Protein backbone atom coordinates (compact mmCIF):
# COMPACT_ATOMS: atom_id res chain seq x y z
CA MET A 1 127.53 83.06 108.84
CA ASP A 2 125.65 81.25 106.07
CA LEU A 3 123.43 82.78 103.38
CA GLN A 4 120.22 81.85 105.20
CA ALA A 5 121.37 83.63 108.37
CA ILE A 6 122.42 86.73 106.41
CA ASP A 7 119.15 86.67 104.47
CA THR A 8 117.14 86.38 107.68
CA ALA A 9 119.03 89.22 109.38
CA ILE A 10 118.52 91.57 106.42
CA LEU A 11 114.88 90.47 106.10
CA LYS A 12 114.26 91.40 109.73
CA PHE A 13 115.68 94.87 109.03
CA PHE A 14 113.32 95.40 106.08
CA TYR A 15 110.43 93.88 107.94
CA ALA A 16 110.87 96.34 110.82
CA ALA A 17 110.13 99.29 108.52
CA PRO A 18 107.84 101.99 109.94
CA GLU A 19 104.15 101.89 109.02
CA PRO A 20 104.32 104.61 106.29
CA VAL A 21 107.05 102.62 104.51
CA VAL A 22 104.98 99.45 104.81
CA LYS A 23 101.99 101.22 103.21
CA VAL A 24 104.12 102.38 100.26
CA ALA A 25 105.60 98.89 99.95
CA LEU A 26 102.12 97.38 99.87
CA LEU A 27 101.09 99.79 97.12
CA PHE A 28 104.10 98.98 94.92
CA THR A 29 103.72 95.25 95.57
CA GLN A 30 100.05 95.32 94.61
CA LEU A 31 100.71 97.38 91.47
CA SER A 32 103.03 94.68 90.23
CA ASN A 33 101.05 91.56 91.20
CA ALA A 34 101.19 88.99 88.40
CA GLY A 35 103.33 91.45 86.42
CA ILE A 36 100.12 93.27 85.53
CA THR A 37 101.77 96.68 85.17
CA TRP A 38 104.27 95.35 82.63
CA VAL A 39 101.64 93.32 80.78
CA LEU A 40 99.46 96.43 80.42
CA VAL A 41 102.45 98.42 79.12
CA ALA A 42 103.20 95.66 76.60
CA LEU A 43 99.57 95.67 75.44
CA LEU A 44 99.66 99.45 75.02
CA LEU A 45 102.82 99.10 72.93
CA ILE A 46 101.18 96.39 70.80
CA TRP A 47 98.16 98.61 70.22
CA ASN A 48 100.34 101.36 68.68
CA PRO A 49 101.69 100.35 65.24
CA LYS A 50 104.90 102.34 65.82
CA THR A 51 105.76 100.36 68.97
CA ARG A 52 104.05 97.06 68.17
CA LYS A 53 107.26 95.12 67.69
CA SER A 54 108.55 96.20 71.10
CA GLY A 55 105.25 95.23 72.70
CA LEU A 56 105.26 91.81 71.05
CA VAL A 57 108.83 91.15 72.13
CA LEU A 58 108.11 92.33 75.69
CA ILE A 59 105.00 90.15 76.03
CA SER A 60 107.02 87.20 74.68
CA ALA A 61 109.71 87.84 77.30
CA LEU A 62 107.10 88.05 80.07
CA ILE A 63 105.46 84.78 79.01
CA THR A 64 108.82 83.02 78.67
CA GLN A 65 109.96 84.08 82.13
CA LEU A 66 106.61 83.02 83.57
CA ILE A 67 107.01 79.50 82.18
CA LEU A 68 110.72 79.03 82.87
CA ILE A 69 111.01 80.77 86.22
CA GLU A 70 107.62 80.92 87.92
CA PHE A 71 106.49 77.44 86.88
CA ALA A 72 109.82 75.59 86.62
CA LEU A 73 112.67 77.14 88.65
CA LYS A 74 110.61 78.12 91.70
CA HIS A 75 109.27 74.60 92.01
CA ALA A 76 112.67 73.01 91.35
CA VAL A 77 114.31 75.08 94.11
CA GLY A 78 111.32 74.90 96.46
CA ARG A 79 112.45 77.60 98.89
CA LEU A 80 109.81 78.34 101.49
CA ARG A 81 108.60 81.91 101.85
CA PRO A 82 109.86 83.73 104.96
CA ALA A 83 106.43 83.75 106.57
CA LYS A 84 106.33 79.94 106.35
CA ALA A 85 110.00 79.21 107.04
CA LEU A 86 110.29 81.63 109.96
CA GLU A 87 106.97 81.00 111.68
CA GLU A 88 108.77 81.02 115.02
CA ILE A 89 109.53 84.74 114.74
CA GLY A 90 106.00 85.63 113.70
CA LEU A 91 106.55 87.12 110.24
CA ARG A 92 103.38 88.01 108.50
CA ASP A 93 103.19 87.66 104.75
CA MET A 94 100.71 90.35 103.84
CA LEU A 95 99.86 89.44 100.29
CA THR A 96 101.20 86.10 99.27
CA ASP A 97 100.02 82.55 99.56
CA ILE A 98 102.66 81.36 102.01
CA ASN A 99 102.46 77.89 100.50
CA SER A 100 103.92 79.14 97.19
CA PHE A 101 107.69 79.27 96.77
CA SER A 102 109.98 82.20 97.34
CA PHE A 103 113.06 81.85 95.13
CA PRO A 104 113.49 83.85 92.96
CA SER A 105 111.21 86.85 93.39
CA GLY A 106 108.81 87.03 90.44
CA HIS A 107 107.93 90.66 91.26
CA SER A 108 111.59 91.62 91.18
CA MET A 109 112.27 89.63 88.02
CA VAL A 110 109.35 90.90 85.97
CA SER A 111 109.90 94.49 87.13
CA PHE A 112 113.57 94.56 86.15
CA LEU A 113 112.77 92.76 82.90
CA GLY A 114 110.08 95.31 82.00
CA ALA A 115 111.98 98.37 83.21
CA ASP A 116 115.25 97.49 81.50
CA PHE A 117 113.60 96.32 78.28
CA LEU A 118 111.58 99.54 78.00
CA GLY A 119 114.57 101.63 79.06
CA ARG A 120 116.62 100.19 76.20
CA ARG A 121 113.94 101.30 73.75
CA PHE A 122 113.13 104.61 75.39
CA PRO A 123 116.42 105.77 76.98
CA ALA A 124 114.96 108.91 78.57
CA TRP A 125 112.73 106.66 80.69
CA ARG A 126 115.41 104.13 81.69
CA ALA A 127 116.46 105.63 85.05
CA PRO A 128 112.91 106.29 86.34
CA LEU A 129 111.77 102.82 85.23
CA LEU A 130 114.71 101.14 86.97
CA VAL A 131 113.98 103.13 90.16
CA ILE A 132 110.39 101.86 90.03
CA ALA A 133 111.67 98.30 89.55
CA LEU A 134 113.98 98.72 92.54
CA ILE A 135 111.16 100.03 94.74
CA ILE A 136 108.97 97.09 93.72
CA ALA A 137 111.79 94.64 94.48
CA LEU A 138 112.54 96.22 97.86
CA SER A 139 108.84 96.16 98.74
CA ARG A 140 108.88 92.36 98.82
CA PRO A 141 110.93 91.81 102.00
CA VAL A 142 109.10 94.71 103.66
CA VAL A 143 105.81 92.82 103.28
CA GLY A 144 107.46 89.55 104.32
CA ALA A 145 107.10 87.82 100.94
CA HIS A 146 110.79 87.34 100.06
CA TYR A 147 114.29 87.12 101.38
CA PRO A 148 116.78 89.69 100.05
CA SER A 149 118.60 87.03 97.99
CA ASP A 150 115.28 86.20 96.29
CA ILE A 151 114.90 89.76 95.06
CA PHE A 152 118.58 90.03 94.07
CA VAL A 153 118.46 86.88 91.94
CA GLY A 154 115.08 87.94 90.55
CA ALA A 155 116.58 91.27 89.45
CA ILE A 156 119.55 89.55 87.79
CA LEU A 157 117.25 87.13 85.96
CA GLY A 158 115.00 90.00 84.86
CA LEU A 159 117.95 91.96 83.49
CA THR A 160 119.20 88.81 81.73
CA PHE A 161 115.81 88.17 80.09
CA SER A 162 115.71 91.85 79.07
CA LEU A 163 119.12 91.60 77.41
CA ILE A 164 118.23 88.37 75.60
CA PHE A 165 114.87 89.59 74.33
CA SER A 166 116.18 93.06 73.46
CA THR A 167 118.82 91.36 71.32
CA LEU A 168 116.23 89.05 69.74
CA GLY A 169 113.97 92.04 69.07
CA LYS A 170 116.66 93.62 66.91
CA ILE A 171 116.65 90.64 64.52
CA LYS A 172 114.74 91.46 61.36
CA GLY A 173 111.54 89.50 61.18
CA VAL A 174 111.06 89.00 64.93
CA GLY A 175 107.55 90.20 65.77
CA GLU A 176 106.68 90.63 62.08
CA SER A 177 104.73 88.63 59.56
CA LYS A 178 104.59 88.78 55.76
CA ASP A 179 101.03 90.10 55.84
CA ASN A 180 101.55 92.54 58.70
CA PRO A 181 105.06 93.98 58.85
CA VAL A 182 105.73 95.74 62.11
CA PRO A 183 107.79 98.93 61.95
CA GLU A 184 110.91 99.25 64.05
CA THR A 185 110.59 100.76 67.49
CA PRO A 186 111.14 104.52 67.78
CA VAL A 187 114.51 104.24 69.51
CA GLU A 188 116.77 101.24 69.38
CA SER A 189 119.77 101.13 71.69
């Protein structure tokens, strides 16, 4: 059995979720459209002088992943969304332009990037944030927007971006200027 067949079989399982699960999935998917939740968190961190550096690093990570993954990798791979690729089985894609590409999942990537990055800075919040990221990622096949491998790779890429930018954020001078030094974040891991 090839990856596409496995992906399709697992997708059908998610897609057959009962209506209450679909409603929750839609809510979590919509809350993370365009990474808006994580962008708002980054802006709140930037607004507070004590967490400004973390906010600047997070927004930089979000912009970088947008350019490299959403605009470059997705188009280079060109994987059709399930609703487009599997038209014969009647999948509906509830929220996504089915003409955009599927691999990797941007929702999954940005959610794991944001959750892990923030969890490294605020360890008490790490587990709940990662659970939220997981729910967002799992919402994507439920609504028919992604294959399971899309969300898996998206999560791995998000965690990788988090690690890279968390490391960069620890370098003195990153997110600071001579005229406006930014204090360190409250908790560095």
